[in-house]
Amino acid sequence: MTAMFDEELREQLARAREELAAAREDGDADGVQAYLGRVAALLRLASQHGIQLPHTPEEEQGES
């Protein structure tokens, strides 16, 4: 994969994690679930393309 794709995935993951933290802070349960799903989807996409990104088991499974 190109370095640009790798960088874009990392940026999107960082943004999703920031939004997840904000949703948790706001007590937005729907937002938490949505961003957990986004993080998990980005991690799956990265894995499918051989990109290793640091993550927790909970993030990989989309769990809080």
PDB file of N, CA and C in Angstrom:
ATOM      1  N   MET A   1       0.841  -1.179   0.000  1.00  0.00           N
ATOM      2  CA  MET A   1       0.000   0.000   0.000  1.00  0.00           C
ATOM      3  C   MET A   1       0.881   1.235   0.000  1.00  0.00           C
ATOM      4  N   THR A   2       0.305   2.284  -0.443  1.00  0.00           N
ATOM      5  CA  THR A   2       1.079   3.520  -0.501  1.00  0.00           C
ATOM      6  C   THR A   2       1.174   4.169   0.873  1.00  0.00           C
ATOM      7  N   ALA A   3       2.184   4.974   1.012  1.00  0.00           N
ATOM      8  CA  ALA A   3       2.370   5.695   2.273  1.00  0.00           C
ATOM      9  C   ALA A   3       1.198   6.645   2.514  1.00  0.00           C
ATOM     10  N   MET A   4       0.629   7.166   1.445  1.00  0.00           N
ATOM     11  CA  MET A   4      -0.498   8.088   1.567  1.00  0.00           C
ATOM     12  C   MET A   4      -1.721   7.386   2.168  1.00  0.00           C
ATOM     13  N   PHE A   5      -1.986   6.161   1.737  1.00  0.00           N
ATOM     14  CA  PHE A   5      -3.101   5.378   2.265  1.00  0.00           C
ATOM     15  C   PHE A   5      -2.881   5.099   3.739  1.00  0.00           C
ATOM     16  N   ASP A   6      -1.672   4.691   4.092  1.00  0.00           N
ATOM     17  CA  ASP A   6      -1.305   4.409   5.475  1.00  0.00           C
ATOM     18  C   ASP A   6      -1.527   5.657   6.332  1.00  0.00           C
ATOM     19  N   GLU A   7      -1.042   6.777   5.869  1.00  0.00           N
ATOM     20  CA  GLU A   7      -1.177   8.037   6.613  1.00  0.00           C
ATOM     21  C   GLU A   7      -2.648   8.422   6.785  1.00  0.00           C
ATOM     22  N   GLU A   8      -3.436   8.265   5.745  1.00  0.00           N
ATOM     23  CA  GLU A   8      -4.855   8.608   5.813  1.00  0.00           C
ATOM     24  C   GLU A   8      -5.583   7.722   6.833  1.00  0.00           C
ATOM     25  N   LEU A   9      -5.277   6.429   6.833  1.00  0.00           N
ATOM     26  CA  LEU A   9      -5.885   5.536   7.819  1.00  0.00           C
ATOM     27  C   LEU A   9      -5.535   5.959   9.235  1.00  0.00           C
ATOM     28  N   ARG A  10      -4.280   6.286   9.445  1.00  0.00           N
ATOM     29  CA  ARG A  10      -3.842   6.706  10.780  1.00  0.00           C
ATOM     30  C   ARG A  10      -4.547   7.990  11.216  1.00  0.00           C
ATOM     31  N   GLU A  11      -4.701   8.931  10.295  1.00  0.00           N
ATOM     32  CA  GLU A  11      -5.386  10.184  10.611  1.00  0.00           C
ATOM     33  C   GLU A  11      -6.857   9.938  10.916  1.00  0.00           C
ATOM     34  N   GLN A  12      -7.501   9.102  10.120  1.00  0.00           N
ATOM     35  CA  GLN A  12      -8.910   8.807  10.364  1.00  0.00           C
ATOM     36  C   GLN A  12      -9.099   8.086  11.698  1.00  0.00           C
ATOM     37  N   LEU A  13      -8.196   7.192  12.016  1.00  0.00           N
ATOM     38  CA  LEU A  13      -8.273   6.480  13.295  1.00  0.00           C
ATOM     39  C   LEU A  13      -8.100   7.458  14.459  1.00  0.00           C
ATOM     40  N   ALA A  14      -7.157   8.360  14.340  1.00  0.00           N
ATOM     41  CA  ALA A  14      -6.946   9.358  15.394  1.00  0.00           C
ATOM     42  C   ALA A  14      -8.192  10.219  15.579  1.00  0.00           C
ATOM     43  N   ARG A  15      -8.801  10.644  14.475  1.00  0.00           N
ATOM     44  CA  ARG A  15     -10.027  11.457  14.561  1.00  0.00           C
ATOM     45  C   ARG A  15     -11.166  10.667  15.197  1.00  0.00           C
ATOM     46  N   ALA A  16     -11.314   9.413  14.798  1.00  0.00           N
ATOM     47  CA  ALA A  16     -12.386   8.579  15.361  1.00  0.00           C
ATOM     48  C   ALA A  16     -12.181   8.384  16.857  1.00  0.00           C
ATOM     49  N   ARG A  17     -10.945   8.203  17.272  1.00  0.00           N
ATOM     50  CA  ARG A  17     -10.658   8.049  18.703  1.00  0.00           C
ATOM     51  C   ARG A  17     -10.971   9.337  19.463  1.00  0.00           C
ATOM     52  N   GLU A  18     -10.653  10.488  18.864  1.00  0.00           N
ATOM     53  CA  GLU A  18     -10.970  11.769  19.496  1.00  0.00           C
ATOM     54  C   GLU A  18     -12.476  11.939  19.631  1.00  0.00           C
ATOM     55  N   GLU A  19     -13.212  11.612  18.578  1.00  0.00           N
ATOM     56  CA  GLU A  19     -14.671  11.725  18.616  1.00  0.00           C
ATOM     57  C   GLU A  19     -15.267  10.740  19.628  1.00  0.00           C
ATOM     58  N   LEU A  20     -14.693   9.564  19.727  1.00  0.00           N
ATOM     59  CA  LEU A  20     -15.139   8.576  20.709  1.00  0.00           C
ATOM     60  C   LEU A  20     -14.946   9.120  22.122  1.00  0.00           C
ATOM     61  N   ALA A  21     -13.790   9.692  22.379  1.00  0.00           N
ATOM     62  CA  ALA A  21     -13.520  10.258  23.708  1.00  0.00           C
ATOM     63  C   ALA A  21     -14.504  11.389  24.013  1.00  0.00           C
ATOM     64  N   ALA A  22     -14.795  12.219  23.028  1.00  0.00           N
ATOM     65  CA  ALA A  22     -15.740  13.319  23.229  1.00  0.00           C
ATOM     66  C   ALA A  22     -17.140  12.778  23.506  1.00  0.00           C
ATOM     67  N   ALA A  23     -17.547  11.761  22.775  1.00  0.00           N
ATOM     68  CA  ALA A  23     -18.871  11.164  22.987  1.00  0.00           C
ATOM     69  C   ALA A  23     -18.963  10.564  24.387  1.00  0.00           C
ATOM     70  N   ARG A  24     -17.910   9.907  24.817  1.00  0.00           N
ATOM     71  CA  ARG A  24     -17.896   9.348  26.175  1.00  0.00           C
ATOM     72  C   ARG A  24     -18.007  10.453  27.212  1.00  0.00           C
ATOM     73  N   GLU A  25     -17.249  11.518  27.018  1.00  0.00           N
ATOM     74  CA  GLU A  25     -17.262  12.645  27.947  1.00  0.00           C
ATOM     75  C   GLU A  25     -18.645  13.292  28.016  1.00  0.00           C
ATOM     76  N   ASP A  26     -19.324  13.357  26.876  1.00  0.00           N
ATOM     77  CA  ASP A  26     -20.653  13.971  26.808  1.00  0.00           C
ATOM     78  C   ASP A  26     -21.767  13.036  27.257  1.00  0.00           C
ATOM     79  N   GLY A  27     -21.431  11.770  27.504  1.00  0.00           N
ATOM     80  CA  GLY A  27     -22.455  10.804  27.883  1.00  0.00           C
ATOM     81  C   GLY A  27     -23.358  10.423  26.718  1.00  0.00           C
ATOM     82  N   ASP A  28     -22.833  10.537  25.508  1.00  0.00           N
ATOM     83  CA  ASP A  28     -23.591  10.244  24.282  1.00  0.00           C
ATOM     84  C   ASP A  28     -23.435   8.760  23.925  1.00  0.00           C
ATOM     85  N   ALA A  29     -24.342   7.931  24.436  1.00  0.00           N
ATOM     86  CA  ALA A  29     -24.241   6.480  24.233  1.00  0.00           C
ATOM     87  C   ALA A  29     -24.303   6.099  22.758  1.00  0.00           C
ATOM     88  N   ASP A  30     -25.169   6.763  21.990  1.00  0.00           N
ATOM     89  CA  ASP A  30     -25.253   6.462  20.554  1.00  0.00           C
ATOM     90  C   ASP A  30     -23.962   6.836  19.843  1.00  0.00           C
ATOM     91  N   GLY A  31     -23.403   7.978  20.199  1.00  0.00           N
ATOM     92  CA  GLY A  31     -22.135   8.403  19.615  1.00  0.00           C
ATOM     93  C   GLY A  31     -21.012   7.450  19.956  1.00  0.00           C
ATOM     94  N   VAL A  32     -20.993   6.986  21.192  1.00  0.00           N
ATOM     95  CA  VAL A  32     -19.972   6.018  21.617  1.00  0.00           C
ATOM     96  C   VAL A  32     -20.054   4.774  20.741  1.00  0.00           C
ATOM     97  N   GLN A  33     -21.249   4.248  20.570  1.00  0.00           N
ATOM     98  CA  GLN A  33     -21.407   3.040  19.750  1.00  0.00           C
ATOM     99  C   GLN A  33     -20.989   3.293  18.304  1.00  0.00           C
ATOM    100  N   ALA A  34     -21.369   4.445  17.778  1.00  0.00           N
ATOM    101  CA  ALA A  34     -21.013   4.778  16.393  1.00  0.00           C
ATOM    102  C   ALA A  34     -19.502   4.871  16.216  1.00  0.00           C
ATOM    103  N   TYR A  35     -18.832   5.544  17.136  1.00  0.00           N
ATOM    104  CA  TYR A  35     -17.380   5.704  16.995  1.00  0.00           C
ATOM    105  C   TYR A  35     -16.612   4.434  17.326  1.00  0.00           C
ATOM    106  N   LEU A  36     -17.152   3.617  18.219  1.00  0.00           N
ATOM    107  CA  LEU A  36     -16.535   2.302  18.440  1.00  0.00           C
ATOM    108  C   LEU A  36     -16.575   1.495  17.141  1.00  0.00           C
ATOM    109  N   GLY A  37     -17.695   1.545  16.454  1.00  0.00           N
ATOM    110  CA  GLY A  37     -17.822   0.850  15.175  1.00  0.00           C
ATOM    111  C   GLY A  37     -16.873   1.409  14.136  1.00  0.00           C
ATOM    112  N   ARG A  38     -16.715   2.735  14.105  1.00  0.00           N
ATOM    113  CA  ARG A  38     -15.809   3.378  13.149  1.00  0.00           C
ATOM    114  C   ARG A  38     -14.366   2.950  13.405  1.00  0.00           C
ATOM    115  N   VAL A  39     -13.968   2.957  14.671  1.00  0.00           N
ATOM    116  CA  VAL A  39     -12.604   2.542  15.025  1.00  0.00           C
ATOM    117  C   VAL A  39     -12.375   1.097  14.599  1.00  0.00           C
ATOM    118  N   ALA A  40     -13.314   0.209  14.920  1.00  0.00           N
ATOM    119  CA  ALA A  40     -13.175  -1.206  14.563  1.00  0.00           C
ATOM    120  C   ALA A  40     -13.094  -1.377  13.052  1.00  0.00           C
ATOM    121  N   ALA A  41     -13.913  -0.637  12.308  1.00  0.00           N
ATOM    122  CA  ALA A  41     -13.904  -0.745  10.842  1.00  0.00           C
ATOM    123  C   ALA A  41     -12.564  -0.281  10.266  1.00  0.00           C
ATOM    124  N   LEU A  42     -12.038   0.792  10.792  1.00  0.00           N
ATOM    125  CA  LEU A  42     -10.739   1.285  10.313  1.00  0.00           C
ATOM    126  C   LEU A  42      -9.624   0.288  10.623  1.00  0.00           C
ATOM    127  N   LEU A  43      -9.686  -0.327  11.795  1.00  0.00           N
ATOM    128  CA  LEU A  43      -8.681  -1.329  12.149  1.00  0.00           C
ATOM    129  C   LEU A  43      -8.772  -2.546  11.229  1.00  0.00           C
ATOM    130  N   ARG A  44     -10.002  -2.961  10.896  1.00  0.00           N
ATOM    131  CA  ARG A  44     -10.168  -4.090   9.958  1.00  0.00           C
ATOM    132  C   ARG A  44      -9.613  -3.735   8.580  1.00  0.00           C
ATOM    133  N   LEU A  45      -9.915  -2.537   8.115  1.00  0.00           N
ATOM    134  CA  LEU A  45      -9.422  -2.096   6.808  1.00  0.00           C
ATOM    135  C   LEU A  45      -7.889  -2.080   6.786  1.00  0.00           C
ATOM    136  N   ALA A  46      -7.310  -1.557   7.833  1.00  0.00           N
ATOM    137  CA  ALA A  46      -5.847  -1.531   7.916  1.00  0.00           C
ATOM    138  C   ALA A  46      -5.286  -2.950   7.881  1.00  0.00           C
ATOM    139  N   SER A  47      -5.869  -3.834   8.653  1.00  0.00           N
ATOM    140  CA  SER A  47      -5.403  -5.222   8.698  1.00  0.00           C
ATOM    141  C   SER A  47      -5.509  -5.893   7.340  1.00  0.00           C
ATOM    142  N   GLN A  48      -6.596  -5.645   6.639  1.00  0.00           N
ATOM    143  CA  GLN A  48      -6.783  -6.236   5.311  1.00  0.00           C
ATOM    144  C   GLN A  48      -5.702  -5.794   4.333  1.00  0.00           C
ATOM    145  N   HIS A  49      -5.116  -4.623   4.602  1.00  0.00           N
ATOM    146  CA  HIS A  49      -4.086  -4.089   3.711  1.00  0.00           C
ATOM    147  C   HIS A  49      -2.684  -4.216   4.301  1.00  0.00           C
ATOM    148  N   GLY A  50      -2.571  -5.021   5.359  1.00  0.00           N
ATOM    149  CA  GLY A  50      -1.257  -5.292   5.928  1.00  0.00           C
ATOM    150  C   GLY A  50      -0.659  -4.144   6.718  1.00  0.00           C
ATOM    151  N   ILE A  51      -1.507  -3.236   7.175  1.00  0.00           N
ATOM    152  CA  ILE A  51      -1.025  -2.098   7.956  1.00  0.00           C
ATOM    153  C   ILE A  51      -1.270  -2.400   9.429  1.00  0.00           C
ATOM    154  N   GLN A  52      -0.203  -2.388  10.205  1.00  0.00           N
ATOM    155  CA  GLN A  52      -0.296  -2.661  11.637  1.00  0.00           C
ATOM    156  C   GLN A  52      -0.496  -1.344  12.385  1.00  0.00           C
ATOM    157  N   LEU A  53      -1.598  -1.249  13.104  1.00  0.00           N
ATOM    158  CA  LEU A  53      -1.877  -0.060  13.901  1.00  0.00           C
ATOM    159  C   LEU A  53      -2.040  -0.471  15.355  1.00  0.00           C
ATOM    160  N   PRO A  54      -1.456   0.281  16.273  1.00  0.00           N
ATOM    161  CA  PRO A  54      -1.616  -0.058  17.684  1.00  0.00           C
ATOM    162  C   PRO A  54      -3.081   0.098  18.081  1.00  0.00           C
ATOM    163  N   HIS A  55      -3.571  -0.880  18.840  1.00  0.00           N
ATOM    164  CA  HIS A  55      -4.964  -0.836  19.270  1.00  0.00           C
ATOM    165  C   HIS A  55      -5.174  -1.794  20.436  1.00  0.00           C
ATOM    166  N   THR A  56      -6.298  -1.610  21.076  1.00  0.00           N
ATOM    167  CA  THR A  56      -6.677  -2.514  22.169  1.00  0.00           C
ATOM    168  C   THR A  56      -7.591  -3.598  21.614  1.00  0.00           C
ATOM    169  N   PRO A  57      -7.704  -4.726  22.311  1.00  0.00           N
ATOM    170  CA  PRO A  57      -8.647  -5.762  21.874  1.00  0.00           C
ATOM    171  C   PRO A  57     -10.078  -5.244  21.806  1.00  0.00           C
ATOM    172  N   GLU A  58     -10.433  -4.344  22.733  1.00  0.00           N
ATOM    173  CA  GLU A  58     -11.781  -3.774  22.734  1.00  0.00           C
ATOM    174  C   GLU A  58     -12.037  -2.957  21.475  1.00  0.00           C
ATOM    175  N   GLU A  59     -11.038  -2.179  21.043  1.00  0.00           N
ATOM    176  CA  GLU A  59     -11.192  -1.390  19.827  1.00  0.00           C
ATOM    177  C   GLU A  59     -11.392  -2.293  18.611  1.00  0.00           C
ATOM    178  N   GLU A  60     -10.625  -3.354  18.564  1.00  0.00           N
ATOM    179  CA  GLU A  60     -10.703  -4.271  17.424  1.00  0.00           C
ATOM    180  C   GLU A  60     -12.099  -4.878  17.307  1.00  0.00           C
ATOM    181  N   GLN A  61     -12.731  -5.135  18.442  1.00  0.00           N
ATOM    182  CA  GLN A  61     -14.036  -5.760  18.449  1.00  0.00           C
ATOM    183  C   GLN A  61     -15.175  -4.751  18.495  1.00  0.00           C
ATOM    184  N   GLY A  62     -14.857  -3.474  18.604  1.00  0.00           N
ATOM    185  CA  GLY A  62     -15.887  -2.449  18.656  1.00  0.00           C
ATOM    186  C   GLY A  62     -16.644  -2.432  19.958  1.00  0.00           C
ATOM    187  N   GLU A  63     -15.956  -2.746  21.043  1.00  0.00           N
ATOM    188  CA  GLU A  63     -16.585  -2.790  22.363  1.00  0.00           C
ATOM    189  C   GLU A  63     -16.088  -1.651  23.219  1.00  0.00           C
ATOM    190  N   SER A  64     -16.923  -1.268  24.178  1.00  0.00           N
ATOM    191  CA  SER A  64     -16.525  -0.198  25.090  1.00  0.00           C
ATOM    192  C   SER A  64     -15.872  -0.734  26.270  1.00  0.00           C
TER     193      SER A  64
END
